[in-house]
């Protein structure tokens, strides 16, 4: 929690890793596969919440589906009209990571589409 100009500001960092592909998970156990499926479900719910948040900021009547996952329930306060969101993506310049970097950029683009026009 940060204190700025006499007020209180909360700064949250969320690591949204989880871009593993099936061919990269062949040696994983069934439980690890279930865990990754749950992570991906949470990431989809987070994208849905960002989209709904953007609609809400445009004065459109909508409901933010923050109850869809544990992650979005924890981040519930991030989907209010007063909240501001910054999305960062880490990418790699190496050719071996091209697929992951491209996927990261596509995901961030999808999540930020609605938010980028609200400046």
Foldseek 3Di string as FASTA:
>chain_A
DDQDPNRDDDDDDDDLDQPDDPVNCPVPDPVVVVVSVLSVQVLVLLLQQLLQLLCVLVVHDDDRPLVSHPVSVVVVVCSDNVHDDDDDFDADPDPVRVVVRVVRVVSVCSSCVSVVVND
